[in-house]
Amino acid sequence: MTAAPASAADRRTPPEPSAAVTVRDLRVHYPTASAPSLAGMDLDVPAGQRLLLMGSSGSGKSTVLRVLAGVVPGTIDADVTGRVRIAGTDPTTTRVPVLAGRVGTLTQDPADQLCLPTVVDEVAFACENRAVPPAQIGPRVRAALAAVGATDLIGRRTGELSGGQGQRVALAAALVARPEVLLLDEPTALLDTAAARRIGALLAAPGPAQILIEHRLDELGRLPELVVVLDDAGRVRAAGPTTQVLREHGVALAGAGAWLPAGIEVGLALGREVAPGRAALRAGLVELMSRRRSVRRSASAPRSSAPSAPRSSAPSATMSSARAGGVVLRARGLGMRRGATQVLTDVDLDVTRGRITAVVGVNGCGKSSLLLALAGLLPFTGTIDGPPAGLVFQNPEHQFLARSVRAEVAHGVRPSGWSGPPGSAGPAPTLANAAGAIDHTAAVDAVLARYHLGVVADRDPFRLSGGQQRRLSLAAMAVCEDEVFLADEPTFGQDRVTTAAVARALRGLADEGRGVVLVSHDLRLVATLADEVVVLADGGVLARGGVDDVFTGPALERAGLALPPLLEGWRSSGVPLRHLLETLDDALSPGSGAAA
């Protein structure tokens, strides 16, 4: 049985006897929200099957998992109605400790659930809570860590882990107890491509029922059997067998923000199915670009641009030549230790005005540590010459200061005529200022619109979705006008539409003359946006260069990285990479005429 839009008839439908999860007419309204997060949804997940939950950022996906895990309303207050059953219990009335004995959960931010000092303690804790015989705990812990590719983390402290390492440990802790149902909120979001594929293969193997939220569908390998797509109002937009729904509704889903597997994306752009496999995908890419060239030759005028990432990585023609091209920050011989681990060794980096540098590498190679060093937030050896840098943390909530989205952005706005740092002496940057209040409000409103945050302007930052929190952290730092802008995983938790908005915003910061450095596992974003790519491995610089040179050379493989399928298909196709990405965005934009 598959999910269906809520109706009176549906709500009377009894659950399947074998269903591991049953939801009928689920409605959730948070106390401070102006509208419900979920407005009546049904779903069934049979035992042993997987369901993919899709929807734009803020559509209520994480709320579904929180209800099923008993966190809403058990810990987070909300008005919850409807019928919900998971692993034979009602999570809205069952105590969370009891529910945790049957349901394994991975939250969007692994730092939220890592609470013990060492990796082994963290994974063993679930077994100890379930009174697993002591002789069995050690082998089960080692097996769970091996399954997620984290045996090298045995002996490490959880506070020293990278985001991706923490995500794997948190998943191992969810798996080790052998739950009846797994609830997984973006299990590959912080992983490099190779690690994400390993986790995708693990989750595709026979096991407990799963409900997972995931944007990186290509890394899942075999797609879940079922899918439910939520619209922006928290209603079911489409549901059914996954491949069928993605093919029949793909263009509409892409326009609403959904990421699609590469084969389906190219097939929709071509108006025909693309067979599985790298060779068929590569042939489809060549055919797509050939069609585009034919259309361009016959067209009397250029097409309008799709609402996607910037068309060019070159500095804007409107940027002052005095502001573009110069090195604004120079790092030489950077080294860093975190605990007993050497995380950076002899790193050199130049940050240039008007350019975007992308730092890539496997989990734990030192990328986030490099940004923290450049921002002056961790001790390092070597030298850094340049102005103070603004940093957007990997965990956005670590830097929130205000109780509303609007106030968070306003905190960083410099009042008219004030040249000091945000929040320092001088007129307080609040919307209540009599002098300059109109300009101030307009500036904040413009930033909220640019980052798709206008509709949540009065919400508490800590009550936003993960994707909304990420955009807020970017917006709040962007208004501070630092000459160097550092962003750690800026598109983490973003859908297709908001990823494009973030990409445009980052390009805009560079076009203003700032130097931008981003760390990302999203190699498609890197391909779209970066002027320079720096590959880190074992804490040092393995390679640097332009996107095409790095992505077609040996450095990624030597660093343990793998290209996602779309970029793999491109590498041997002879097709210009950014033209290809623009073509796909155009083809899947609303009104493109692509096959639905």
Protein backbone atom coordinates (compact mmCIF):
# COMPACT_ATOMS: atom_id res chain seq x y z
CA MET A 1 0.00 0.00 0.00
CA THR A 2 1.34 3.43 -0.88
CA ALA A 3 0.75 6.86 0.51
CA ALA A 4 -2.12 8.95 -0.79
CA PRO A 5 -3.47 12.44 -0.26
CA ALA A 6 -5.63 12.65 2.82
CA SER A 7 -9.37 12.31 2.30
CA ALA A 8 -12.29 11.16 4.39
CA ALA A 9 -12.28 7.78 2.65
CA ASP A 10 -8.54 7.40 3.10
CA ARG A 11 -8.77 8.23 6.78
CA ARG A 12 -11.24 5.39 7.27
CA THR A 13 -8.90 2.96 5.52
CA PRO A 14 -7.47 0.53 8.07
CA PRO A 15 -3.71 0.04 8.13
CA GLU A 16 -2.13 -2.93 6.44
CA PRO A 17 -1.68 -5.72 8.99
CA SER A 18 2.03 -5.96 8.12
CA ALA A 19 2.69 -2.20 8.16
CA ALA A 20 5.63 -1.12 10.29
CA VAL A 21 4.44 2.50 10.09
CA THR A 22 0.90 3.78 9.63
CA VAL A 23 -0.15 7.44 9.50
CA ARG A 24 -3.70 8.69 9.02
CA ASP A 25 -4.63 12.37 8.64
CA LEU A 26 -1.59 13.62 10.55
CA ARG A 27 -1.79 17.32 11.35
CA VAL A 28 0.86 19.25 13.29
CA HIS A 29 0.72 22.90 14.33
CA TYR A 30 3.55 24.45 16.34
CA PRO A 31 2.42 27.08 18.89
CA THR A 32 4.31 30.01 17.32
CA ALA A 33 3.62 29.10 13.68
CA SER A 34 0.99 30.91 11.64
CA ALA A 35 0.09 27.77 9.67
CA PRO A 36 0.28 24.01 10.26
CA SER A 37 3.53 22.23 9.41
CA LEU A 38 1.54 19.18 8.33
CA ALA A 39 -2.01 19.51 7.05
CA GLY A 40 -3.35 15.97 6.82
CA MET A 41 -1.16 13.17 5.48
CA ASP A 42 -1.47 9.41 5.23
CA LEU A 43 1.20 6.80 4.66
CA ASP A 44 1.94 3.13 5.18
CA VAL A 45 5.38 1.53 5.23
CA PRO A 46 5.26 -2.28 5.07
CA ALA A 47 7.72 -4.19 7.22
CA GLY A 48 11.12 -4.38 5.56
CA GLN A 49 10.39 -1.70 2.95
CA ARG A 50 11.78 1.82 2.56
CA LEU A 51 9.92 5.07 1.99
CA LEU A 52 11.56 8.25 0.71
CA LEU A 53 10.08 11.50 2.05
CA MET A 54 10.59 14.40 -0.36
CA GLY A 55 9.61 18.05 -0.40
CA SER A 56 11.04 21.54 -0.45
CA SER A 57 12.94 23.01 2.49
CA GLY A 58 10.43 23.72 5.28
CA SER A 59 7.68 21.46 3.89
CA GLY A 60 7.41 19.42 7.10
CA LYS A 61 9.60 16.42 6.30
CA SER A 62 11.59 16.52 9.53
CA THR A 63 8.38 17.12 11.48
CA VAL A 64 7.04 13.78 10.22
CA LEU A 65 10.11 12.01 11.59
CA ARG A 66 9.93 13.91 14.89
CA VAL A 67 6.32 12.81 15.40
CA LEU A 68 7.20 9.20 14.59
CA ALA A 69 10.15 9.36 17.00
CA GLY A 70 7.95 10.78 19.78
CA VAL A 71 9.91 14.02 19.97
CA VAL A 72 6.83 15.96 18.84
CA PRO A 73 4.82 16.50 21.02
CA GLY A 74 6.78 14.62 23.71
CA THR A 75 9.70 17.06 23.85
CA ILE A 76 8.83 19.81 21.36
CA ASP A 77 5.39 21.24 22.04
CA ALA A 78 2.88 21.10 19.19
CA ASP A 79 -0.79 20.38 18.55
CA VAL A 80 -0.80 16.91 16.97
CA THR A 81 -3.92 15.18 15.66
CA GLY A 82 -4.49 12.08 13.58
CA ARG A 83 -3.60 8.42 14.01
CA VAL A 84 0.04 7.36 14.10
CA ARG A 85 1.47 3.88 14.70
CA ILE A 86 5.11 2.83 14.50
CA ALA A 87 6.49 -0.56 15.50
CA GLY A 88 3.15 -1.36 17.13
CA THR A 89 3.05 1.73 19.36
CA ASP A 90 1.54 5.22 19.33
CA PRO A 91 4.53 7.59 19.46
CA THR A 92 2.40 10.54 20.57
CA THR A 93 1.55 8.80 23.87
CA THR A 94 4.50 6.42 24.34
CA ARG A 95 7.43 7.57 26.45
CA VAL A 96 10.49 8.29 24.31
CA PRO A 97 12.75 5.81 26.20
CA VAL A 98 10.25 3.03 25.51
CA LEU A 99 9.92 4.02 21.87
CA ALA A 100 13.70 4.16 21.47
CA GLY A 101 13.81 0.43 22.15
CA ARG A 102 12.02 -0.17 18.85
CA VAL A 103 12.88 2.80 16.65
CA GLY A 104 16.32 3.97 15.55
CA THR A 105 16.69 7.66 14.70
CA LEU A 106 19.31 9.72 12.89
CA THR A 107 18.73 13.45 13.21
CA GLN A 108 19.66 15.99 10.55
CA ASP A 109 22.49 17.31 12.70
CA PRO A 110 24.47 14.43 14.26
CA ALA A 111 25.82 16.76 16.95
CA ASP A 112 22.29 16.80 18.39
CA GLN A 113 22.51 13.14 19.39
CA LEU A 114 26.17 12.49 20.23
CA CYS A 115 26.29 12.76 24.01
CA LEU A 116 29.04 10.45 25.31
CA PRO A 117 32.76 11.21 25.33
CA THR A 118 34.10 8.43 23.11
CA VAL A 119 32.94 6.79 19.90
CA VAL A 120 32.79 3.32 21.47
CA ASP A 121 30.78 4.59 24.45
CA GLU A 122 28.34 6.35 22.12
CA VAL A 123 27.61 3.26 20.03
CA ALA A 124 27.58 0.89 23.02
CA PHE A 125 25.09 3.05 24.92
CA ALA A 126 22.09 1.80 22.93
CA CYS A 127 23.03 -1.81 23.67
CA GLU A 128 23.48 -1.09 27.37
CA ASN A 129 20.05 0.55 27.53
CA ARG A 130 18.52 -2.61 26.10
CA ALA A 131 20.33 -4.91 28.53
CA VAL A 132 22.31 -6.65 25.80
CA PRO A 133 24.64 -9.21 27.47
CA PRO A 134 28.04 -7.56 28.03
CA ALA A 135 29.87 -10.22 26.04
CA GLN A 136 27.84 -9.28 22.95
CA ILE A 137 28.23 -5.51 23.17
CA GLY A 138 31.83 -5.24 21.96
CA PRO A 139 31.31 -7.36 18.83
CA ARG A 140 28.07 -5.53 17.99
CA VAL A 141 29.73 -2.13 18.38
CA ARG A 142 32.62 -3.13 16.13
CA ALA A 143 30.23 -4.59 13.54
CA ALA A 144 28.09 -1.43 13.49
CA LEU A 145 31.12 0.83 13.07
CA ALA A 146 32.48 -1.40 10.32
CA ALA A 147 29.14 -1.30 8.50
CA VAL A 148 29.26 2.51 8.26
CA GLY A 149 32.98 2.63 7.44
CA ALA A 150 34.06 4.02 10.80
CA THR A 151 36.38 1.40 12.29
CA ASP A 152 39.18 3.96 12.09
CA LEU A 153 37.27 6.05 14.63
CA ILE A 154 37.49 3.45 17.42
CA GLY A 155 39.42 5.15 20.20
CA ARG A 156 38.47 8.68 19.08
CA ARG A 157 36.59 11.19 21.19
CA THR A 158 33.24 12.35 19.81
CA GLY A 159 34.11 16.01 20.38
CA GLU A 160 37.01 15.70 17.93
CA LEU A 161 35.01 14.25 15.03
CA SER A 162 34.24 16.06 11.80
CA GLY A 163 30.61 16.48 10.81
CA GLY A 164 30.74 13.51 8.43
CA GLN A 165 32.51 11.31 10.96
CA GLY A 166 29.91 12.24 13.55
CA GLN A 167 27.15 11.37 11.10
CA ARG A 168 28.56 7.88 10.59
CA VAL A 169 28.95 7.30 14.33
CA ALA A 170 25.37 8.46 14.96
CA LEU A 171 24.13 6.07 12.27
CA ALA A 172 26.11 3.21 13.82
CA ALA A 173 24.48 4.01 17.17
CA ALA A 174 21.05 3.82 15.52
CA LEU A 175 21.84 0.50 13.82
CA VAL A 176 23.56 -1.30 16.68
CA ALA A 177 20.34 -1.82 18.64
CA ARG A 178 18.72 -3.60 15.65
CA PRO A 179 15.52 -1.52 15.64
CA GLU A 180 12.27 -2.48 13.95
CA VAL A 181 12.09 0.87 12.12
CA LEU A 182 14.76 3.39 11.10
CA LEU A 183 14.01 7.12 10.80
CA LEU A 184 16.82 8.81 8.87
CA ASP A 185 17.01 12.57 8.28
CA GLU A 186 19.52 13.14 5.44
CA PRO A 187 21.91 10.30 6.35
CA THR A 188 24.46 11.27 3.66
CA ALA A 189 24.25 15.08 3.88
CA LEU A 190 27.68 15.54 5.50
CA LEU A 191 29.47 12.69 3.73
CA ASP A 192 31.84 12.73 0.80
CA THR A 193 30.57 10.94 -2.31
CA ALA A 194 32.41 7.66 -1.71
CA ALA A 195 31.25 7.47 1.92
CA ALA A 196 27.70 8.40 0.90
CA ARG A 197 27.62 5.55 -1.61
CA ARG A 198 28.73 3.12 1.07
CA ILE A 199 25.93 4.26 3.36
CA GLY A 200 23.47 4.11 0.46
CA ALA A 201 24.41 0.48 -0.22
CA LEU A 202 24.11 -0.35 3.48
CA LEU A 203 20.62 1.14 3.71
CA ALA A 204 19.51 -0.62 0.52
CA ALA A 205 20.31 -4.05 1.97
CA PRO A 206 17.46 -6.10 3.51
CA GLY A 207 16.68 -4.92 7.01
CA PRO A 208 14.18 -2.94 9.06
CA ALA A 209 11.56 -0.64 7.59
CA GLN A 210 12.90 2.83 6.87
CA ILE A 211 11.58 6.32 6.34
CA LEU A 212 14.33 8.57 5.08
CA ILE A 213 14.74 12.14 3.95
CA GLU A 214 17.48 12.58 1.39
CA HIS A 215 18.39 15.09 -1.30
CA ARG A 216 21.35 13.13 -2.73
CA LEU A 217 19.33 10.42 -4.45
CA ASP A 218 22.17 9.27 -6.68
CA GLU A 219 24.18 8.27 -3.62
CA LEU A 220 21.40 5.98 -2.36
CA GLY A 221 22.12 3.44 -5.10
CA ARG A 222 18.87 1.49 -5.24
CA LEU A 223 16.05 3.94 -4.61
CA PRO A 224 13.52 3.20 -1.84
CA GLU A 225 10.44 1.34 -3.04
CA LEU A 226 8.00 4.08 -2.08
CA VAL A 227 7.98 7.87 -2.07
CA VAL A 228 5.78 10.56 -0.53
CA VAL A 229 6.23 14.15 -1.73
CA LEU A 230 5.04 16.99 0.50
CA ASP A 231 4.09 20.42 -0.78
CA ASP A 232 4.89 23.70 0.96
CA ALA A 233 1.67 23.50 3.00
CA GLY A 234 2.52 20.10 4.48
CA ARG A 235 0.10 18.17 2.27
CA VAL A 236 0.84 15.11 0.14
CA ARG A 237 1.58 16.30 -3.38
CA ALA A 238 2.41 12.91 -4.95
CA ALA A 239 2.90 9.37 -3.71
CA GLY A 240 3.49 5.87 -4.99
CA PRO A 241 6.30 3.69 -6.37
CA THR A 242 9.40 5.87 -6.41
CA THR A 243 10.59 5.53 -10.00
CA GLN A 244 7.06 5.96 -11.35
CA VAL A 245 6.42 9.12 -9.32
CA LEU A 246 9.76 10.68 -10.25
CA ARG A 247 9.22 10.05 -13.97
CA GLU A 248 5.58 11.15 -14.05
CA HIS A 249 5.99 14.23 -11.87
CA GLY A 250 9.71 14.94 -12.27
CA VAL A 251 9.52 18.35 -13.95
CA ALA A 252 6.98 19.62 -11.42
CA LEU A 253 9.00 18.18 -8.55
CA ALA A 254 12.23 19.77 -9.82
CA GLY A 255 10.45 23.10 -10.17
CA ALA A 256 9.25 22.75 -6.59
CA GLY A 257 12.77 22.06 -5.35
CA ALA A 258 13.32 18.30 -5.55
CA TRP A 259 16.66 16.86 -6.59
CA LEU A 260 16.32 13.94 -9.01
CA PRO A 261 18.61 11.02 -9.88
CA ALA A 262 20.88 11.86 -12.82
CA GLY A 263 19.32 9.30 -15.18
CA ILE A 264 15.80 10.56 -14.54
CA GLU A 265 16.92 14.19 -14.78
CA VAL A 266 18.55 13.64 -18.18
CA GLY A 267 15.62 11.52 -19.36
CA LEU A 268 13.15 14.26 -18.51
CA ALA A 269 15.28 16.80 -20.34
CA LEU A 270 15.35 14.52 -23.42
CA GLY A 271 11.70 13.50 -23.20
CA ARG A 272 12.58 9.80 -23.10
CA GLU A 273 13.83 7.24 -20.61
CA VAL A 274 17.57 6.84 -20.15
CA ALA A 275 18.69 3.28 -19.49
CA PRO A 276 20.63 2.57 -16.29
CA GLY A 277 24.40 2.68 -16.47
CA ARG A 278 27.22 5.12 -17.10
CA ALA A 279 27.39 4.57 -20.87
CA ALA A 280 23.69 5.34 -21.38
CA LEU A 281 23.95 8.43 -19.18
CA ARG A 282 26.99 9.68 -21.10
CA ALA A 283 25.20 9.16 -24.43
CA GLY A 284 22.19 11.03 -23.09
CA LEU A 285 24.34 13.98 -22.09
CA VAL A 286 25.92 14.16 -25.54
CA GLU A 287 22.48 13.99 -27.18
CA LEU A 288 21.13 16.70 -24.89
CA MET A 289 23.95 19.10 -25.71
CA SER A 290 23.64 18.34 -29.42
CA ARG A 291 19.96 19.28 -29.27
CA ARG A 292 20.81 22.49 -27.42
CA ARG A 293 23.28 23.52 -30.11
CA SER A 294 20.67 22.86 -32.80
CA VAL A 295 18.07 24.93 -30.96
CA ARG A 296 20.52 27.80 -30.46
CA ARG A 297 21.42 27.85 -34.15
CA SER A 298 17.76 28.03 -35.14
CA ALA A 299 16.54 30.39 -32.43
CA SER A 300 16.12 34.04 -33.25
CA ALA A 301 16.66 35.13 -29.65
CA PRO A 302 18.31 33.61 -26.57
CA ARG A 303 16.16 31.84 -24.01
CA SER A 304 15.60 33.39 -20.64
CA SER A 305 17.74 32.02 -17.87
CA ALA A 306 16.32 29.41 -15.51
CA PRO A 307 16.24 30.31 -11.82
CA SER A 308 19.38 28.33 -11.10
CA ALA A 309 22.98 28.96 -10.21
CA PRO A 310 25.00 31.76 -11.82
CA ARG A 311 25.75 31.55 -15.53
CA SER A 312 29.38 32.45 -15.22
CA SER A 313 32.06 32.06 -12.63
CA ALA A 314 33.89 35.17 -13.85
CA PRO A 315 33.71 38.30 -11.71
CA SER A 316 30.82 40.57 -12.63
CA ALA A 317 31.50 43.19 -15.28
CA THR A 318 30.01 45.76 -12.92
CA MET A 319 32.54 45.05 -10.19
CA SER A 320 35.17 47.70 -9.70
CA SER A 321 38.49 46.53 -11.10
CA ALA A 322 40.09 47.90 -7.96
CA ARG A 323 38.06 45.45 -5.88
CA ALA A 324 38.57 42.35 -8.04
CA GLY A 325 41.61 40.19 -8.49
CA GLY A 326 43.83 41.08 -5.51
CA VAL A 327 44.76 38.67 -2.74
CA VAL A 328 42.78 39.72 0.33
CA LEU A 329 43.96 36.96 2.68
CA ARG A 330 47.14 34.87 2.49
CA ALA A 331 47.85 31.78 4.60
CA ARG A 332 51.24 30.11 4.66
CA GLY A 333 52.41 26.92 6.32
CA LEU A 334 49.25 26.38 8.36
CA GLY A 335 49.35 23.52 10.81
CA MET A 336 46.88 22.43 13.47
CA ARG A 337 46.40 19.69 16.03
CA ARG A 338 43.08 18.76 17.60
CA GLY A 339 43.74 16.56 20.59
CA ALA A 340 46.18 13.87 19.52
CA THR A 341 45.35 14.25 15.83
CA GLN A 342 47.33 16.36 13.36
CA VAL A 343 44.56 17.80 11.18
CA LEU A 344 46.45 20.37 9.07
CA THR A 345 50.01 20.23 7.77
CA ASP A 346 51.82 23.00 5.88
CA VAL A 347 48.75 24.39 4.08
CA ASP A 348 49.16 27.43 1.80
CA LEU A 349 46.09 29.30 0.56
CA ASP A 350 45.44 32.61 -1.19
CA VAL A 351 41.93 34.10 -0.99
CA THR A 352 41.33 36.47 -3.90
CA ARG A 353 38.80 39.29 -4.16
CA GLY A 354 35.97 38.51 -6.53
CA ARG A 355 36.71 34.78 -6.67
CA ILE A 356 35.25 31.67 -5.06
CA THR A 357 37.59 28.96 -3.79
CA ALA A 358 36.07 25.55 -3.06
CA VAL A 359 37.86 23.22 -0.64
CA VAL A 360 37.02 19.53 -1.11
CA GLY A 361 38.18 16.29 0.49
CA VAL A 362 36.99 13.21 2.34
CA ASN A 363 35.46 13.39 5.80
CA GLY A 364 38.01 14.22 8.46
CA CYS A 365 40.71 15.55 6.11
CA GLY A 366 40.81 18.99 7.75
CA LYS A 367 38.43 21.13 5.67
CA SER A 368 36.40 22.59 8.55
CA SER A 369 39.54 22.99 10.64
CA LEU A 370 41.06 25.05 7.82
CA LEU A 371 38.08 27.44 7.87
CA LEU A 372 38.25 27.72 11.66
CA ALA A 373 41.94 28.59 11.39
CA LEU A 374 41.30 31.21 8.69
CA ALA A 375 38.63 32.74 10.93
CA GLY A 376 41.03 32.80 13.88
CA LEU A 377 38.81 30.57 16.01
CA LEU A 378 41.29 27.75 16.65
CA PRO A 379 45.02 27.92 17.43
CA PHE A 380 47.33 27.13 14.52
CA THR A 381 50.95 27.31 13.46
CA GLY A 382 52.05 29.27 10.40
CA THR A 383 50.90 32.72 9.30
CA ILE A 384 47.66 34.32 8.13
CA ASP A 385 47.81 37.83 6.70
CA GLY A 386 44.55 39.64 6.00
CA PRO A 387 41.45 41.16 7.59
CA PRO A 388 39.16 39.27 9.99
CA ALA A 389 37.04 36.73 8.15
CA GLY A 390 33.36 35.98 8.63
CA LEU A 391 32.56 32.27 9.08
CA VAL A 392 29.31 30.39 8.58
CA PHE A 393 29.60 27.30 10.79
CA GLN A 394 28.73 23.80 9.68
CA ASN A 395 26.12 23.78 12.47
CA PRO A 396 24.08 26.96 11.87
CA GLU A 397 22.43 27.11 15.27
CA HIS A 398 25.84 27.52 16.91
CA GLN A 399 25.90 31.17 15.86
CA PHE A 400 22.32 32.36 16.41
CA LEU A 401 21.90 35.26 18.84
CA ALA A 402 18.36 36.59 18.39
CA ARG A 403 14.83 35.31 18.96
CA SER A 404 13.50 36.02 15.48
CA VAL A 405 14.82 35.57 11.97
CA ARG A 406 14.46 39.28 11.23
CA ALA A 407 16.36 40.27 14.38
CA GLU A 408 19.11 37.74 13.62
CA VAL A 409 19.76 39.35 10.24
CA ALA A 410 19.38 42.87 11.66
CA HIS A 411 22.05 42.17 14.27
CA GLY A 412 24.73 42.23 11.60
CA VAL A 413 23.56 45.28 9.65
CA ARG A 414 25.86 48.26 10.05
CA PRO A 415 23.88 51.46 10.70
CA SER A 416 24.24 54.25 8.16
CA GLY A 417 27.54 56.07 8.59
CA TRP A 418 28.98 53.44 10.93
CA SER A 419 32.18 51.70 9.81
CA GLY A 420 32.90 49.56 12.85
CA PRO A 421 32.25 45.84 13.18
CA PRO A 422 28.63 44.69 13.55
CA GLY A 423 27.33 44.77 17.08
CA SER A 424 30.21 46.94 18.35
CA ALA A 425 30.10 50.50 19.72
CA GLY A 426 27.93 52.88 17.76
CA PRO A 427 24.22 52.95 17.00
CA ALA A 428 22.68 49.60 17.90
CA PRO A 429 21.67 47.67 14.76
CA THR A 430 18.01 47.23 15.61
CA LEU A 431 14.86 47.85 13.61
CA ALA A 432 13.66 50.26 16.30
CA ASN A 433 16.28 52.93 15.53
CA ALA A 434 14.58 56.22 14.70
CA ALA A 435 17.52 57.36 12.57
CA GLY A 436 17.96 55.32 9.43
CA ALA A 437 15.11 52.93 10.29
CA ILE A 438 13.69 52.94 6.77
CA ASP A 439 16.99 52.11 5.12
CA HIS A 440 17.68 49.49 7.78
CA THR A 441 14.34 47.76 7.32
CA ALA A 442 14.71 47.79 3.55
CA ALA A 443 18.18 46.26 3.81
CA VAL A 444 16.95 43.47 6.08
CA ASP A 445 13.93 42.78 3.87
CA ALA A 446 16.17 42.54 0.81
CA VAL A 447 18.42 40.00 2.51
CA LEU A 448 15.46 37.95 3.73
CA ALA A 449 14.09 37.83 0.19
CA ARG A 450 17.46 36.89 -1.31
CA TYR A 451 17.73 33.89 1.00
CA HIS A 452 14.05 32.85 0.74
CA LEU A 453 13.38 33.70 4.39
CA GLY A 454 10.67 36.34 4.12
CA VAL A 455 7.85 33.96 5.06
CA VAL A 456 9.59 32.98 8.31
CA ALA A 457 10.85 36.47 9.25
CA ASP A 458 9.10 36.43 12.63
CA ARG A 459 9.90 32.81 13.53
CA ASP A 460 12.34 31.74 16.23
CA PRO A 461 15.60 30.66 14.51
CA PHE A 462 15.67 27.53 16.65
CA ARG A 463 12.24 26.49 15.36
CA LEU A 464 13.19 26.57 11.67
CA SER A 465 13.87 23.56 9.49
CA GLY A 466 17.51 22.60 9.03
CA GLY A 467 17.56 24.09 5.54
CA GLN A 468 16.02 27.35 6.73
CA GLN A 469 18.55 27.57 9.57
CA ARG A 470 21.38 27.13 7.08
CA ARG A 471 20.08 29.97 4.88
CA LEU A 472 19.61 32.20 7.93
CA SER A 473 23.21 31.63 9.04
CA LEU A 474 24.41 32.61 5.56
CA ALA A 475 22.19 35.70 5.46
CA ALA A 476 23.19 36.87 8.93
CA MET A 477 26.90 36.61 8.11
CA ALA A 478 26.57 38.11 4.62
CA VAL A 479 25.20 41.41 5.96
CA CYS A 480 28.30 41.85 8.14
CA GLU A 481 30.24 42.85 5.00
CA ASP A 482 33.49 41.07 5.92
CA GLU A 483 36.02 41.15 3.12
CA VAL A 484 36.52 37.39 3.45
CA PHE A 485 33.46 35.13 3.62
CA LEU A 486 33.95 31.51 4.76
CA ALA A 487 31.09 29.00 4.40
CA ASP A 488 31.16 25.42 5.72
CA GLU A 489 28.69 23.24 3.76
CA PRO A 490 26.52 26.20 2.65
CA THR A 491 23.96 24.01 0.84
CA PHE A 492 23.57 21.38 3.56
CA GLY A 493 19.85 20.59 3.87
CA GLN A 494 18.86 22.66 0.81
CA ASP A 495 16.49 21.65 -1.95
CA ARG A 496 17.09 22.43 -5.62
CA VAL A 497 15.51 25.89 -5.55
CA THR A 498 17.18 27.07 -2.36
CA THR A 499 20.54 25.61 -3.44
CA ALA A 500 20.32 27.81 -6.53
CA ALA A 501 19.44 30.80 -4.34
CA VAL A 502 22.44 30.15 -2.09
CA ALA A 503 24.70 29.78 -5.14
CA ARG A 504 23.48 33.10 -6.55
CA ALA A 505 24.03 34.76 -3.18
CA LEU A 506 27.59 33.43 -2.88
CA ARG A 507 28.38 34.56 -6.42
CA GLY A 508 26.90 37.94 -5.52
CA LEU A 509 29.23 38.23 -2.53
CA ALA A 510 32.20 37.56 -4.79
CA ASP A 511 30.90 40.06 -7.34
CA GLU A 512 30.88 42.68 -4.57
CA GLY A 513 34.63 42.16 -4.30
CA ARG A 514 34.75 39.79 -1.36
CA GLY A 515 36.93 36.70 -1.26
CA VAL A 516 34.74 33.60 -0.76
CA VAL A 517 35.93 30.21 0.48
CA LEU A 518 33.47 27.35 0.74
CA VAL A 519 33.80 23.78 1.95
CA SER A 520 31.37 21.38 0.31
CA HIS A 521 30.74 17.73 -0.47
CA ASP A 522 28.29 18.89 -3.15
CA LEU A 523 30.55 18.55 -6.18
CA ARG A 524 27.76 19.72 -8.49
CA LEU A 525 27.68 23.00 -6.57
CA VAL A 526 31.47 23.19 -6.79
CA ALA A 527 31.31 22.59 -10.55
CA THR A 528 28.72 25.33 -10.93
CA LEU A 529 30.31 27.95 -8.73
CA ALA A 530 34.02 27.59 -8.03
CA ASP A 531 36.77 29.60 -9.70
CA GLU A 532 39.41 27.46 -7.99
CA VAL A 533 39.24 24.02 -6.38
CA VAL A 534 41.63 23.01 -3.59
CA VAL A 535 41.81 19.28 -2.81
CA LEU A 536 42.80 18.39 0.76
CA ALA A 537 44.07 14.96 1.78
CA ASP A 538 45.44 13.99 5.19
CA GLY A 539 45.52 17.63 6.25
CA GLY A 540 47.59 18.90 3.31
CA VAL A 541 46.94 20.34 -0.14
CA LEU A 542 47.02 17.54 -2.71
CA ALA A 543 46.02 19.61 -5.74
CA ARG A 544 44.58 22.94 -6.80
CA GLY A 545 43.29 24.33 -10.08
CA GLY A 546 40.21 25.08 -12.14
CA VAL A 547 37.12 22.88 -11.99
CA ASP A 548 37.71 21.10 -15.31
CA ASP A 549 41.37 20.39 -14.55
CA VAL A 550 40.72 19.02 -11.07
CA PHE A 551 37.60 17.04 -11.99
CA THR A 552 39.25 15.36 -15.00
CA GLY A 553 42.63 14.79 -13.34
CA PRO A 554 43.80 12.10 -10.89
CA ALA A 555 43.64 14.21 -7.72
CA LEU A 556 40.07 13.37 -6.69
CA GLU A 557 40.68 9.63 -6.86
CA ARG A 558 43.99 9.98 -5.03
CA ALA A 559 42.16 11.91 -2.31
CA GLY A 560 39.54 9.14 -1.99
CA LEU A 561 36.78 11.19 -3.63
CA ALA A 562 34.35 10.08 -6.31
CA LEU A 563 32.31 12.18 -8.72
CA PRO A 564 28.52 11.80 -8.59
CA PRO A 565 26.99 9.96 -11.59
CA LEU A 566 26.10 13.11 -13.54
CA LEU A 567 29.67 14.40 -13.35
CA GLU A 568 31.07 10.94 -14.05
CA GLY A 569 29.02 10.86 -17.24
CA TRP A 570 30.24 14.33 -18.16
CA ARG A 571 33.94 13.57 -17.64
CA SER A 572 34.20 11.33 -20.71
CA SER A 573 31.54 13.05 -22.82
CA GLY A 574 33.53 16.00 -24.14
CA VAL A 575 30.66 18.31 -23.17
CA PRO A 576 31.44 21.71 -21.53
CA LEU A 577 30.52 21.16 -17.89
CA ARG A 578 28.86 24.44 -16.97
CA HIS A 579 26.95 24.54 -20.25
CA LEU A 580 25.66 21.06 -19.42
CA LEU A 581 24.49 22.07 -15.94
CA GLU A 582 22.79 25.19 -17.34
CA THR A 583 21.04 23.07 -19.98
CA LEU A 584 19.66 20.67 -17.38
CA ASP A 585 18.45 23.53 -15.19
CA ASP A 586 16.79 25.16 -18.20
CA ALA A 587 15.12 21.91 -19.27
CA LEU A 588 13.67 21.25 -15.82
CA SER A 589 12.56 24.81 -15.10
CA PRO A 590 8.81 25.55 -15.01
CA GLY A 591 7.42 26.12 -18.50
CA SER A 592 10.39 24.47 -20.19
CA GLY A 593 8.25 22.04 -22.13
CA ALA A 594 10.17 19.02 -20.86
CA ALA A 595 8.23 15.83 -20.72
CA ALA A 596 6.29 15.40 -17.52
